[in-house]
Amino acid sequence: PGNLYVKVAVKPHPVFGRRGDDLTLDLPISYPEATLGANVEVPTMNGPVTLKVPAGTPSGKTFRVKGRGAPKKGGRGDLLAKVKVDVPEKLSKEEKELLGKLREASKESPRKRLGVN
């Protein structure tokens, strides 16, 4: 008897990544959702769940949704949802006006900690 070699190619999933037993997901949210907070629907392998995004959530923050990852012995891993604040490519006239007013009302530069305005 000889050796049998099997080559398995795993295609990437269009929505989820994998890190061990955990699934990963880039979660786009709007600027108002990130700033004001929101309840956001998040896809999982077993159907959507609602994630509470607190006010002031920065882009890059990762939320852990327990038990919504890949199957493992004795349960499931977790879903790691990494927030990406979505910047729209096109804005309506009203959106541009509102964002202009917000820019004028903003008192502090986000670059202040870098020592520049």
PDB file of N, CA and C in Angstrom:
ATOM      1  N   PRO A   1       0.822  -1.188   0.000  1.00  0.00           N
ATOM      2  CA  PRO A   1       0.000   0.000   0.000  1.00  0.00           C
ATOM      3  C   PRO A   1       0.870   1.258   0.000  1.00  0.00           C
ATOM      4  N   GLY A   2       0.421   2.243  -0.782  1.00  0.00           N
ATOM      5  CA  GLY A   2       1.141   3.511  -0.887  1.00  0.00           C
ATOM      6  C   GLY A   2       0.474   4.607  -0.074  1.00  0.00           C
ATOM      7  N   ASN A   3       1.021   5.781  -0.188  1.00  0.00           N
ATOM      8  CA  ASN A   3       0.460   6.948   0.494  1.00  0.00           C
ATOM      9  C   ASN A   3      -0.573   7.629  -0.389  1.00  0.00           C
ATOM     10  N   LEU A   4      -1.592   8.144   0.223  1.00  0.00           N
ATOM     11  CA  LEU A   4      -2.611   8.913  -0.482  1.00  0.00           C
ATOM     12  C   LEU A   4      -2.490  10.360  -0.028  1.00  0.00           C
ATOM     13  N   TYR A   5      -2.268  11.248  -0.981  1.00  0.00           N
ATOM     14  CA  TYR A   5      -2.165  12.662  -0.674  1.00  0.00           C
ATOM     15  C   TYR A   5      -3.403  13.361  -1.202  1.00  0.00           C
ATOM     16  N   VAL A   6      -4.007  14.171  -0.360  1.00  0.00           N
ATOM     17  CA  VAL A   6      -5.197  14.916  -0.743  1.00  0.00           C
ATOM     18  C   VAL A   6      -4.890  16.405  -0.583  1.00  0.00           C
ATOM     19  N   LYS A   7      -5.157  17.154  -1.631  1.00  0.00           N
ATOM     20  CA  LYS A   7      -4.957  18.601  -1.573  1.00  0.00           C
ATOM     21  C   LYS A   7      -6.331  19.250  -1.500  1.00  0.00           C
ATOM     22  N   VAL A   8      -6.545  20.028  -0.453  1.00  0.00           N
ATOM     23  CA  VAL A   8      -7.830  20.691  -0.247  1.00  0.00           C
ATOM     24  C   VAL A   8      -7.628  22.192  -0.431  1.00  0.00           C
ATOM     25  N   ALA A   9      -8.437  22.781  -1.287  1.00  0.00           N
ATOM     26  CA  ALA A   9      -8.401  24.234  -1.482  1.00  0.00           C
ATOM     27  C   ALA A   9      -9.679  24.818  -0.886  1.00  0.00           C
ATOM     28  N   VAL A  10      -9.527  25.750   0.030  1.00  0.00           N
ATOM     29  CA  VAL A  10     -10.674  26.380   0.669  1.00  0.00           C
ATOM     30  C   VAL A  10     -10.833  27.777   0.079  1.00  0.00           C
ATOM     31  N   LYS A  11     -11.980  28.009  -0.528  1.00  0.00           N
ATOM     32  CA  LYS A  11     -12.245  29.330  -1.102  1.00  0.00           C
ATOM     33  C   LYS A  11     -12.654  30.289   0.009  1.00  0.00           C
ATOM     34  N   PRO A  12     -12.223  31.546  -0.086  1.00  0.00           N
ATOM     35  CA  PRO A  12     -12.646  32.511   0.931  1.00  0.00           C
ATOM     36  C   PRO A  12     -14.148  32.774   0.848  1.00  0.00           C
ATOM     37  N   HIS A  13     -14.761  32.940   2.007  1.00  0.00           N
ATOM     38  CA  HIS A  13     -16.187  33.254   2.081  1.00  0.00           C
ATOM     39  C   HIS A  13     -16.361  34.730   1.713  1.00  0.00           C
ATOM     40  N   PRO A  14     -17.432  35.097   1.013  1.00  0.00           N
ATOM     41  CA  PRO A  14     -17.612  36.497   0.611  1.00  0.00           C
ATOM     42  C   PRO A  14     -17.883  37.463   1.771  1.00  0.00           C
ATOM     43  N   VAL A  15     -18.309  36.947   2.924  1.00  0.00           N
ATOM     44  CA  VAL A  15     -18.654  37.819   4.057  1.00  0.00           C
ATOM     45  C   VAL A  15     -17.748  37.576   5.261  1.00  0.00           C
ATOM     46  N   PHE A  16     -17.487  36.313   5.582  1.00  0.00           N
ATOM     47  CA  PHE A  16     -16.774  35.964   6.806  1.00  0.00           C
ATOM     48  C   PHE A  16     -15.343  35.530   6.532  1.00  0.00           C
ATOM     49  N   GLY A  17     -14.460  35.870   7.482  1.00  0.00           N
ATOM     50  CA  GLY A  17     -13.118  35.322   7.523  1.00  0.00           C
ATOM     51  C   GLY A  17     -13.066  34.346   8.687  1.00  0.00           C
ATOM     52  N   ARG A  18     -11.919  33.727   8.883  1.00  0.00           N
ATOM     53  CA  ARG A  18     -11.813  32.759   9.971  1.00  0.00           C
ATOM     54  C   ARG A  18     -10.494  32.949  10.700  1.00  0.00           C
ATOM     55  N   ARG A  19     -10.566  32.888  12.018  1.00  0.00           N
ATOM     56  CA  ARG A  19      -9.396  32.923  12.884  1.00  0.00           C
ATOM     57  C   ARG A  19      -9.591  31.837  13.927  1.00  0.00           C
ATOM     58  N   GLY A  20      -9.075  30.643  13.650  1.00  0.00           N
ATOM     59  CA  GLY A  20      -9.306  29.500  14.534  1.00  0.00           C
ATOM     60  C   GLY A  20     -10.782  29.146  14.530  1.00  0.00           C
ATOM     61  N   ASP A  21     -11.386  29.092  15.717  1.00  0.00           N
ATOM     62  CA  ASP A  21     -12.822  28.795  15.830  1.00  0.00           C
ATOM     63  C   ASP A  21     -13.685  30.048  15.698  1.00  0.00           C
ATOM     64  N   ASP A  22     -13.051  31.202  15.627  1.00  0.00           N
ATOM     65  CA  ASP A  22     -13.800  32.452  15.514  1.00  0.00           C
ATOM     66  C   ASP A  22     -13.978  32.839  14.049  1.00  0.00           C
ATOM     67  N   LEU A  23     -15.107  33.460  13.762  1.00  0.00           N
ATOM     68  CA  LEU A  23     -15.338  34.044  12.446  1.00  0.00           C
ATOM     69  C   LEU A  23     -15.109  35.540  12.551  1.00  0.00           C
ATOM     70  N   THR A  24     -14.616  36.149  11.483  1.00  0.00           N
ATOM     71  CA  THR A  24     -14.379  37.586  11.459  1.00  0.00           C
ATOM     72  C   THR A  24     -15.267  38.229  10.396  1.00  0.00           C
ATOM     73  N   LEU A  25     -15.562  39.491  10.603  1.00  0.00           N
ATOM     74  CA  LEU A  25     -16.454  40.214   9.709  1.00  0.00           C
ATOM     75  C   LEU A  25     -16.104  41.692   9.756  1.00  0.00           C
ATOM     76  N   ASP A  26     -15.960  42.327   8.588  1.00  0.00           N
ATOM     77  CA  ASP A  26     -15.849  43.784   8.529  1.00  0.00           C
ATOM     78  C   ASP A  26     -17.266  44.326   8.488  1.00  0.00           C
ATOM     79  N   LEU A  27     -17.616  45.139   9.482  1.00  0.00           N
ATOM     80  CA  LEU A  27     -18.978  45.640   9.637  1.00  0.00           C
ATOM     81  C   LEU A  27     -19.050  47.120   9.278  1.00  0.00           C
ATOM     82  N   PRO A  28     -19.575  47.452   8.093  1.00  0.00           N
ATOM     83  CA  PRO A  28     -19.703  48.862   7.746  1.00  0.00           C
ATOM     84  C   PRO A  28     -20.844  49.517   8.520  1.00  0.00           C
ATOM     85  N   ILE A  29     -20.556  50.691   9.099  1.00  0.00           N
ATOM     86  CA  ILE A  29     -21.601  51.486   9.748  1.00  0.00           C
ATOM     87  C   ILE A  29     -21.459  52.924   9.261  1.00  0.00           C
ATOM     88  N   SER A  30     -22.532  53.676   9.357  1.00  0.00           N
ATOM     89  CA  SER A  30     -22.511  55.067   8.907  1.00  0.00           C
ATOM     90  C   SER A  30     -21.880  55.957   9.981  1.00  0.00           C
ATOM     91  N   TYR A  31     -21.483  57.159   9.566  1.00  0.00           N
ATOM     92  CA  TYR A  31     -20.935  58.130  10.514  1.00  0.00           C
ATOM     93  C   TYR A  31     -21.942  58.452  11.620  1.00  0.00           C
ATOM     94  N   PRO A  32     -23.217  58.707  11.285  1.00  0.00           N
ATOM     95  CA  PRO A  32     -24.181  58.957  12.368  1.00  0.00           C
ATOM     96  C   PRO A  32     -24.329  57.761  13.319  1.00  0.00           C
ATOM     97  N   GLU A  33     -24.300  56.540  12.798  1.00  0.00           N
ATOM     98  CA  GLU A  33     -24.396  55.363  13.674  1.00  0.00           C
ATOM     99  C   GLU A  33     -23.192  55.296  14.605  1.00  0.00           C
ATOM    100  N   ALA A  34     -21.993  55.574  14.086  1.00  0.00           N
ATOM    101  CA  ALA A  34     -20.782  55.539  14.909  1.00  0.00           C
ATOM    102  C   ALA A  34     -20.786  56.650  15.951  1.00  0.00           C
ATOM    103  N   THR A  35     -21.245  57.819  15.573  1.00  0.00           N
ATOM    104  CA  THR A  35     -21.213  58.981  16.455  1.00  0.00           C
ATOM    105  C   THR A  35     -22.306  58.951  17.516  1.00  0.00           C
ATOM    106  N   LEU A  36     -23.519  58.631  17.091  1.00  0.00           N
ATOM    107  CA  LEU A  36     -24.675  58.689  17.993  1.00  0.00           C
ATOM    108  C   LEU A  36     -25.007  57.351  18.650  1.00  0.00           C
ATOM    109  N   GLY A  37     -24.472  56.261  18.104  1.00  0.00           N
ATOM    110  CA  GLY A  37     -24.819  54.926  18.576  1.00  0.00           C
ATOM    111  C   GLY A  37     -26.017  54.398  17.810  1.00  0.00           C
ATOM    112  N   ALA A  38     -26.139  53.076  17.746  1.00  0.00           N
ATOM    113  CA  ALA A  38     -27.241  52.466  16.992  1.00  0.00           C
ATOM    114  C   ALA A  38     -27.322  50.982  17.303  1.00  0.00           C
ATOM    115  N   ASN A  39     -28.478  50.415  17.042  1.00  0.00           N
ATOM    116  CA  ASN A  39     -28.636  48.968  17.029  1.00  0.00           C
ATOM    117  C   ASN A  39     -28.504  48.535  15.576  1.00  0.00           C
ATOM    118  N   VAL A  40     -27.489  47.719  15.288  1.00  0.00           N
ATOM    119  CA  VAL A  40     -27.135  47.352  13.923  1.00  0.00           C
ATOM    120  C   VAL A  40     -27.351  45.854  13.725  1.00  0.00           C
ATOM    121  N   GLU A  41     -27.975  45.494  12.620  1.00  0.00           N
ATOM    122  CA  GLU A  41     -28.164  44.084  12.290  1.00  0.00           C
ATOM    123  C   GLU A  41     -26.856  43.540  11.714  1.00  0.00           C
ATOM    124  N   VAL A  42     -26.416  42.400  12.261  1.00  0.00           N
ATOM    125  CA  VAL A  42     -25.154  41.782  11.863  1.00  0.00           C
ATOM    126  C   VAL A  42     -25.441  40.369  11.359  1.00  0.00           C
ATOM    127  N   PRO A  43     -24.918  40.002  10.178  1.00  0.00           N
ATOM    128  CA  PRO A  43     -25.134  38.642   9.704  1.00  0.00           C
ATOM    129  C   PRO A  43     -24.290  37.650  10.494  1.00  0.00           C
ATOM    130  N   THR A  44     -24.835  36.470  10.730  1.00  0.00           N
ATOM    131  CA  THR A  44     -24.073  35.365  11.304  1.00  0.00           C
ATOM    132  C   THR A  44     -24.392  34.128  10.477  1.00  0.00           C
ATOM    133  N   MET A  45     -23.686  33.051  10.724  1.00  0.00           N
ATOM    134  CA  MET A  45     -23.930  31.809   9.989  1.00  0.00           C
ATOM    135  C   MET A  45     -25.313  31.240  10.299  1.00  0.00           C
ATOM    136  N   ASN A  46     -25.899  31.649  11.419  1.00  0.00           N
ATOM    137  CA  ASN A  46     -27.213  31.139  11.832  1.00  0.00           C
ATOM    138  C   ASN A  46     -28.288  32.214  11.786  1.00  0.00           C
ATOM    139  N   GLY A  47     -28.128  33.193  10.923  1.00  0.00           N
ATOM    140  CA  GLY A  47     -29.112  34.263  10.827  1.00  0.00           C
ATOM    141  C   GLY A  47     -28.636  35.517  11.529  1.00  0.00           C
ATOM    142  N   PRO A  48     -29.243  36.656  11.211  1.00  0.00           N
ATOM    143  CA  PRO A  48     -28.785  37.934  11.756  1.00  0.00           C
ATOM    144  C   PRO A  48     -29.061  38.091  13.251  1.00  0.00           C
ATOM    145  N   VAL A  49     -28.203  38.884  13.900  1.00  0.00           N
ATOM    146  CA  VAL A  49     -28.389  39.277  15.297  1.00  0.00           C
ATOM    147  C   VAL A  49     -28.266  40.797  15.356  1.00  0.00           C
ATOM    148  N   THR A  50     -28.766  41.386  16.428  1.00  0.00           N
ATOM    149  CA  THR A  50     -28.661  42.830  16.614  1.00  0.00           C
ATOM    150  C   THR A  50     -27.499  43.132  17.547  1.00  0.00           C
ATOM    151  N   LEU A  51     -26.633  44.034  17.104  1.00  0.00           N
ATOM    152  CA  LEU A  51     -25.473  44.455  17.880  1.00  0.00           C
ATOM    153  C   LEU A  51     -25.677  45.904  18.302  1.00  0.00           C
ATOM    154  N   LYS A  52     -25.519  46.173  19.597  1.00  0.00           N
ATOM    155  CA  LYS A  52     -25.640  47.547  20.100  1.00  0.00           C
ATOM    156  C   LYS A  52     -24.287  48.233  19.943  1.00  0.00           C
ATOM    157  N   VAL A  53     -24.243  49.212  19.052  1.00  0.00           N
ATOM    158  CA  VAL A  53     -23.027  49.991  18.820  1.00  0.00           C
ATOM    159  C   VAL A  53     -23.139  51.257  19.666  1.00  0.00           C
ATOM    160  N   PRO A  54     -22.268  51.431  20.670  1.00  0.00           N
ATOM    161  CA  PRO A  54     -22.378  52.606  21.528  1.00  0.00           C
ATOM    162  C   PRO A  54     -21.960  53.894  20.814  1.00  0.00           C
ATOM    163  N   ALA A  55     -22.472  55.008  21.292  1.00  0.00           N
ATOM    164  CA  ALA A  55     -22.085  56.315  20.761  1.00  0.00           C
ATOM    165  C   ALA A  55     -20.576  56.490  20.883  1.00  0.00           C
ATOM    166  N   GLY A  56     -19.976  57.089  19.866  1.00  0.00           N
ATOM    167  CA  GLY A  56     -18.535  57.348  19.886  1.00  0.00           C
ATOM    168  C   GLY A  56     -17.685  56.167  19.471  1.00  0.00           C
ATOM    169  N   THR A  57     -18.263  55.187  18.800  1.00  0.00           N
ATOM    170  CA  THR A  57     -17.503  54.009  18.374  1.00  0.00           C
ATOM    171  C   THR A  57     -16.576  54.373  17.216  1.00  0.00           C
ATOM    172  N   PRO A  58     -15.257  54.156  17.374  1.00  0.00           N
ATOM    173  CA  PRO A  58     -14.331  54.488  16.292  1.00  0.00           C
ATOM    174  C   PRO A  58     -14.230  53.368  15.261  1.00  0.00           C
ATOM    175  N   SER A  59     -13.817  53.748  14.064  1.00  0.00           N
ATOM    176  CA  SER A  59     -13.520  52.761  13.035  1.00  0.00           C
ATOM    177  C   SER A  59     -12.375  51.886  13.547  1.00  0.00           C
ATOM    178  N   GLY A  60     -12.459  50.591  13.321  1.00  0.00           N
ATOM    179  CA  GLY A  60     -11.421  49.669  13.781  1.00  0.00           C
ATOM    180  C   GLY A  60     -11.765  48.946  15.071  1.00  0.00           C
ATOM    181  N   LYS A  61     -12.757  49.426  15.813  1.00  0.00           N
ATOM    182  CA  LYS A  61     -13.172  48.750  17.054  1.00  0.00           C
ATOM    183  C   LYS A  61     -13.785  47.403  16.706  1.00  0.00           C
ATOM    184  N   THR A  62     -13.438  46.378  17.476  1.00  0.00           N
ATOM    185  CA  THR A  62     -13.955  45.034  17.249  1.00  0.00           C
ATOM    186  C   THR A  62     -14.900  44.643  18.372  1.00  0.00           C
ATOM    187  N   PHE A  63     -16.065  44.144  17.982  1.00  0.00           N
ATOM    188  CA  PHE A  63     -17.050  43.630  18.930  1.00  0.00           C
ATOM    189  C   PHE A  63     -17.071  42.110  18.844  1.00  0.00           C
ATOM    190  N   ARG A  64     -17.169  41.454  19.995  1.00  0.00           N
ATOM    191  CA  ARG A  64     -17.232  39.994  20.062  1.00  0.00           C
ATOM    192  C   ARG A  64     -18.682  39.580  20.288  1.00  0.00           C
ATOM    193  N   VAL A  65     -19.198  38.751  19.378  1.00  0.00           N
ATOM    194  CA  VAL A  65     -20.542  38.196  19.520  1.00  0.00           C
ATOM    195  C   VAL A  65     -20.355  36.728  19.900  1.00  0.00           C
ATOM    196  N   LYS A  66     -20.567  36.433  21.179  1.00  0.00           N
ATOM    197  CA  LYS A  66     -20.293  35.099  21.729  1.00  0.00           C
ATOM    198  C   LYS A  66     -21.144  34.012  21.065  1.00  0.00           C
ATOM    199  N   GLY A  67     -20.494  32.876  20.782  1.00  0.00           N
ATOM    200  CA  GLY A  67     -21.199  31.691  20.304  1.00  0.00           C
ATOM    201  C   GLY A  67     -21.721  31.770  18.884  1.00  0.00           C
ATOM    202  N   ARG A  68     -21.253  32.741  18.092  1.00  0.00           N
ATOM    203  CA  ARG A  68     -21.729  32.882  16.709  1.00  0.00           C
ATOM    204  C   ARG A  68     -20.622  32.631  15.693  1.00  0.00           C
ATOM    205  N   GLY A  69     -19.585  31.903  16.121  1.00  0.00           N
ATOM    206  CA  GLY A  69     -18.480  31.583  15.222  1.00  0.00           C
ATOM    207  C   GLY A  69     -18.607  30.186  14.642  1.00  0.00           C
ATOM    208  N   ALA A  70     -17.462  29.599  14.307  1.00  0.00           N
ATOM    209  CA  ALA A  70     -17.428  28.268  13.693  1.00  0.00           C
ATOM    210  C   ALA A  70     -17.708  27.195  14.743  1.00  0.00           C
ATOM    211  N   PRO A  71     -18.305  26.077  14.306  1.00  0.00           N
ATOM    212  CA  PRO A  71     -18.541  24.977  15.242  1.00  0.00           C
ATOM    213  C   PRO A  71     -17.217  24.427  15.775  1.00  0.00           C
ATOM    214  N   LYS A  72     -17.230  24.040  17.035  1.00  0.00           N
ATOM    215  CA  LYS A  72     -16.070  23.398  17.648  1.00  0.00           C
ATOM    216  C   LYS A  72     -16.581  22.397  18.667  1.00  0.00           C
ATOM    217  N   LYS A  73     -15.706  21.559  19.143  1.00  0.00           N
ATOM    218  CA  LYS A  73     -16.099  20.561  20.133  1.00  0.00           C
ATOM    219  C   LYS A  73     -16.638  21.275  21.368  1.00  0.00           C
ATOM    220  N   GLY A  74     -17.875  20.977  21.716  1.00  0.00           N
ATOM    221  CA  GLY A  74     -18.474  21.575  22.903  1.00  0.00           C
ATOM    222  C   GLY A  74     -19.123  22.929  22.668  1.00  0.00           C
ATOM    223  N   GLY A  75     -19.319  23.327  21.425  1.00  0.00           N
ATOM    224  CA  GLY A  75     -19.990  24.613  21.187  1.00  0.00           C
ATOM    225  C   GLY A  75     -19.579  25.276  19.889  1.00  0.00           C
ATOM    226  N   ARG A  76     -19.457  26.580  19.954  1.00  0.00           N
ATOM    227  CA  ARG A  76     -19.077  27.374  18.788  1.00  0.00           C
ATOM    228  C   ARG A  76     -18.081  28.446  19.220  1.00  0.00           C
ATOM    229  N   GLY A  77     -17.286  28.889  18.262  1.00  0.00           N
ATOM    230  CA  GLY A  77     -16.422  30.038  18.497  1.00  0.00           C
ATOM    231  C   GLY A  77     -17.263  31.313  18.517  1.00  0.00           C
ATOM    232  N   ASP A  78     -16.599  32.448  18.446  1.00  0.00           N
ATOM    233  CA  ASP A  78     -17.282  33.742  18.481  1.00  0.00           C
ATOM    234  C   ASP A  78     -17.198  34.423  17.111  1.00  0.00           C
ATOM    235  N   LEU A  79     -18.045  35.403  16.916  1.00  0.00           N
ATOM    236  CA  LEU A  79     -17.979  36.258  15.735  1.00  0.00           C
ATOM    237  C   LEU A  79     -17.300  37.554  16.152  1.00  0.00           C
ATOM    238  N   LEU A  80     -16.256  37.936  15.443  1.00  0.00           N
ATOM    239  CA  LEU A  80     -15.531  39.174  15.719  1.00  0.00           C
ATOM    240  C   LEU A  80     -15.887  40.178  14.628  1.00  0.00           C
ATOM    241  N   ALA A  81     -16.702  41.160  14.984  1.00  0.00           N
ATOM    242  CA  ALA A  81     -17.190  42.154  14.025  1.00  0.00           C
ATOM    243  C   ALA A  81     -16.364  43.430  14.172  1.00  0.00           C
ATOM    244  N   LYS A  82     -15.563  43.740  13.148  1.00  0.00           N
ATOM    245  CA  LYS A  82     -14.698  44.924  13.165  1.00  0.00           C
ATOM    246  C   LYS A  82     -15.391  46.064  12.427  1.00  0.00           C
ATOM    247  N   VAL A  83     -15.610  47.157  13.141  1.00  0.00           N
ATOM    248  CA  VAL A  83     -16.332  48.311  12.604  1.00  0.00           C
ATOM    249  C   VAL A  83     -15.487  49.051  11.570  1.00  0.00           C
ATOM    250  N   LYS A  84     -16.124  49.380  10.470  1.00  0.00           N
ATOM    251  CA  LYS A  84     -15.532  50.235   9.435  1.00  0.00           C
ATOM    252  C   LYS A  84     -16.523  51.369   9.189  1.00  0.00           C
ATOM    253  N   VAL A  85     -16.163  52.589   9.591  1.00  0.00           N
ATOM    254  CA  VAL A  85     -17.063  53.719   9.365  1.00  0.00           C
ATOM    255  C   VAL A  85     -17.064  54.015   7.868  1.00  0.00           C
ATOM    256  N   ASP A  86     -18.243  53.908   7.271  1.00  0.00           N
ATOM    257  CA  ASP A  86     -18.414  54.049   5.829  1.00  0.00           C
ATOM    258  C   ASP A  86     -18.494  55.524   5.446  1.00  0.00           C
ATOM    259  N   VAL A  87     -17.679  55.911   4.488  1.00  0.00           N
ATOM    260  CA  VAL A  87     -17.713  57.278   3.964  1.00  0.00           C
ATOM    261  C   VAL A  87     -18.357  57.213   2.581  1.00  0.00           C
ATOM    262  N   PRO A  88     -19.525  57.825   2.424  1.00  0.00           N
ATOM    263  CA  PRO A  88     -20.218  57.737   1.136  1.00  0.00           C
ATOM    264  C   PRO A  88     -19.457  58.458   0.028  1.00  0.00           C
ATOM    265  N   GLU A  89     -19.528  57.896  -1.175  1.00  0.00           N
ATOM    266  CA  GLU A  89     -18.868  58.521  -2.325  1.00  0.00           C
ATOM    267  C   GLU A  89     -19.679  59.695  -2.860  1.00  0.00           C
ATOM    268  N   LYS A  90     -20.996  59.611  -2.752  1.00  0.00           N
ATOM    269  CA  LYS A  90     -21.867  60.674  -3.250  1.00  0.00           C
ATOM    270  C   LYS A  90     -22.789  61.121  -2.129  1.00  0.00           C
ATOM    271  N   LEU A  91     -23.025  62.423  -2.060  1.00  0.00           N
ATOM    272  CA  LEU A  91     -23.918  62.990  -1.053  1.00  0.00           C
ATOM    273  C   LEU A  91     -25.004  63.808  -1.744  1.00  0.00           C
ATOM    274  N   SER A  92     -26.171  63.816  -1.129  1.00  0.00           N
ATOM    275  CA  SER A  92     -27.236  64.688  -1.624  1.00  0.00           C
ATOM    276  C   SER A  92     -26.907  66.127  -1.214  1.00  0.00           C
ATOM    277  N   LYS A  93     -27.596  67.066  -1.803  1.00  0.00           N
ATOM    278  CA  LYS A  93     -27.405  68.480  -1.463  1.00  0.00           C
ATOM    279  C   LYS A  93     -27.662  68.707   0.024  1.00  0.00           C
ATOM    280  N   GLU A  94     -28.730  68.089   0.533  1.00  0.00           N
ATOM    281  CA  GLU A  94     -29.071  68.240   1.952  1.00  0.00           C
ATOM    282  C   GLU A  94     -27.976  67.665   2.847  1.00  0.00           C
ATOM    283  N   GLU A  95     -27.438  66.502   2.486  1.00  0.00           N
ATOM    284  CA  GLU A  95     -26.365  65.900   3.280  1.00  0.00           C
ATOM    285  C   GLU A  95     -25.131  66.800   3.292  1.00  0.00           C
ATOM    286  N   LYS A  96     -24.790  67.369   2.145  1.00  0.00           N
ATOM    287  CA  LYS A  96     -23.638  68.282   2.079  1.00  0.00           C
ATOM    288  C   LYS A  96     -23.846  69.498   2.979  1.00  0.00           C
ATOM    289  N   GLU A  97     -25.049  70.056   2.945  1.00  0.00           N
ATOM    290  CA  GLU A  97     -25.348  71.222   3.783  1.00  0.00           C
ATOM    291  C   GLU A  97     -25.245  70.874   5.267  1.00  0.00           C
ATOM    292  N   LEU A  98     -25.814  69.741   5.650  1.00  0.00           N
ATOM    293  CA  LEU A  98     -25.773  69.331   7.059  1.00  0.00           C
ATOM    294  C   LEU A  98     -24.346  69.057   7.518  1.00  0.00           C
ATOM    295  N   LEU A  99     -23.552  68.396   6.680  1.00  0.00           N
ATOM    296  CA  LEU A  99     -22.160  68.132   7.047  1.00  0.00           C
ATOM    297  C   LEU A  99     -21.347  69.424   7.106  1.00  0.00           C
ATOM    298  N   GLY A 100     -21.653  70.376   6.246  1.00  0.00           N
ATOM    299  CA  GLY A 100     -20.995  71.685   6.307  1.00  0.00           C
ATOM    300  C   GLY A 100     -21.283  72.385   7.623  1.00  0.00           C
ATOM    301  N   LYS A 101     -22.536  72.332   8.059  1.00  0.00           N
ATOM    302  CA  LYS A 101     -22.914  72.925   9.350  1.00  0.00           C
ATOM    303  C   LYS A 101     -22.212  72.210  10.502  1.00  0.00           C
ATOM    304  N   LEU A 102     -22.109  70.897  10.412  1.00  0.00           N
ATOM    305  CA  LEU A 102     -21.421  70.122  11.446  1.00  0.00           C
ATOM    306  C   LEU A 102     -19.945  70.509  11.498  1.00  0.00           C
ATOM    307  N   ARG A 103     -19.319  70.649  10.341  1.00  0.00           N
ATOM    308  CA  ARG A 103     -17.908  71.048  10.295  1.00  0.00           C
ATOM    309  C   ARG A 103     -17.717  72.412  10.956  1.00  0.00           C
ATOM    310  N   GLU A 104     -18.612  73.357  10.678  1.00  0.00           N
ATOM    311  CA  GLU A 104     -18.527  74.697  11.271  1.00  0.00           C
ATOM    312  C   GLU A 104     -18.752  74.654  12.782  1.00  0.00           C
ATOM    313  N   ALA A 105     -19.617  73.771  13.237  1.00  0.00           N
ATOM    314  CA  ALA A 105     -19.943  73.681  14.662  1.00  0.00           C
ATOM    315  C   ALA A 105     -18.882  72.924  15.458  1.00  0.00           C
ATOM    316  N   SER A 106     -18.051  72.132  14.784  1.00  0.00           N
ATOM    317  CA  SER A 106     -17.030  71.337  15.473  1.00  0.00           C
ATOM    318  C   SER A 106     -15.984  72.254  16.076  1.00  0.00           C
ATOM    319  N   LYS A 107     -15.724  72.072  17.360  1.00  0.00           N
ATOM    320  CA  LYS A 107     -14.817  72.955  18.092  1.00  0.00           C
ATOM    321  C   LYS A 107     -13.379  72.448  18.104  1.00  0.00           C
ATOM    322  N   GLU A 108     -13.181  71.151  17.934  1.00  0.00           N
ATOM    323  CA  GLU A 108     -11.856  70.585  18.101  1.00  0.00           C
ATOM    324  C   GLU A 108     -11.456  69.757  16.886  1.00  0.00           C
ATOM    325  N   SER A 109     -10.210  69.921  16.463  1.00  0.00           N
ATOM    326  CA  SER A 109      -9.686  69.159  15.335  1.00  0.00           C
ATOM    327  C   SER A 109      -9.375  67.729  15.771  1.00  0.00           C
ATOM    328  N   PRO A 110      -9.688  66.729  14.947  1.00  0.00           N
ATOM    329  CA  PRO A 110      -9.326  65.354  15.290  1.00  0.00           C
ATOM    330  C   PRO A 110      -7.812  65.135  15.222  1.00  0.00           C
ATOM    331  N   ARG A 111      -7.080  66.104  14.679  1.00  0.00           N
ATOM    332  CA  ARG A 111      -5.620  66.001  14.571  1.00  0.00           C
ATOM    333  C   ARG A 111      -4.896  66.735  15.704  1.00  0.00           C
ATOM    334  N   LYS A 112      -5.651  67.227  16.678  1.00  0.00           N
ATOM    335  CA  LYS A 112      -5.069  67.997  17.783  1.00  0.00           C
ATOM    336  C   LYS A 112      -3.976  67.207  18.505  1.00  0.00           C
ATOM    337  N   ARG A 113      -4.216  65.929  18.744  1.00  0.00           N
ATOM    338  CA  ARG A 113      -3.228  65.119  19.476  1.00  0.00           C
ATOM    339  C   ARG A 113      -1.931  64.922  18.688  1.00  0.00           C
ATOM    340  N   LEU A 114      -1.976  65.251  17.374  1.00  0.00           N
ATOM    341  CA  LEU A 114      -0.776  65.168  16.538  1.00  0.00           C
ATOM    342  C   LEU A 114       0.018  66.470  16.548  1.00  0.00           C
ATOM    343  N   GLY A 115      -0.545  67.492  17.212  1.00  0.00           N
ATOM    344  CA  GLY A 115       0.119  68.782  17.298  1.00  0.00           C
ATOM    345  C   GLY A 115      -0.121  69.680  16.097  1.00  0.00           C
ATOM    346  N   VAL A 116      -1.129  69.338  15.282  1.00  0.00           N
ATOM    347  CA  VAL A 116      -1.487  70.163  14.119  1.00  0.00           C
ATOM    348  C   VAL A 116      -2.990  70.377  14.113  1.00  0.00           C
ATOM    349  N   ASN A 117      -3.438  71.319  13.295  1.00  0.00           N
ATOM    350  CA  ASN A 117      -4.871  71.549  13.159  1.00  0.00           C
ATOM    351  C   ASN A 117      -5.317  70.836  11.938  1.00  0.00           C
TER     352      ASN A 117
END
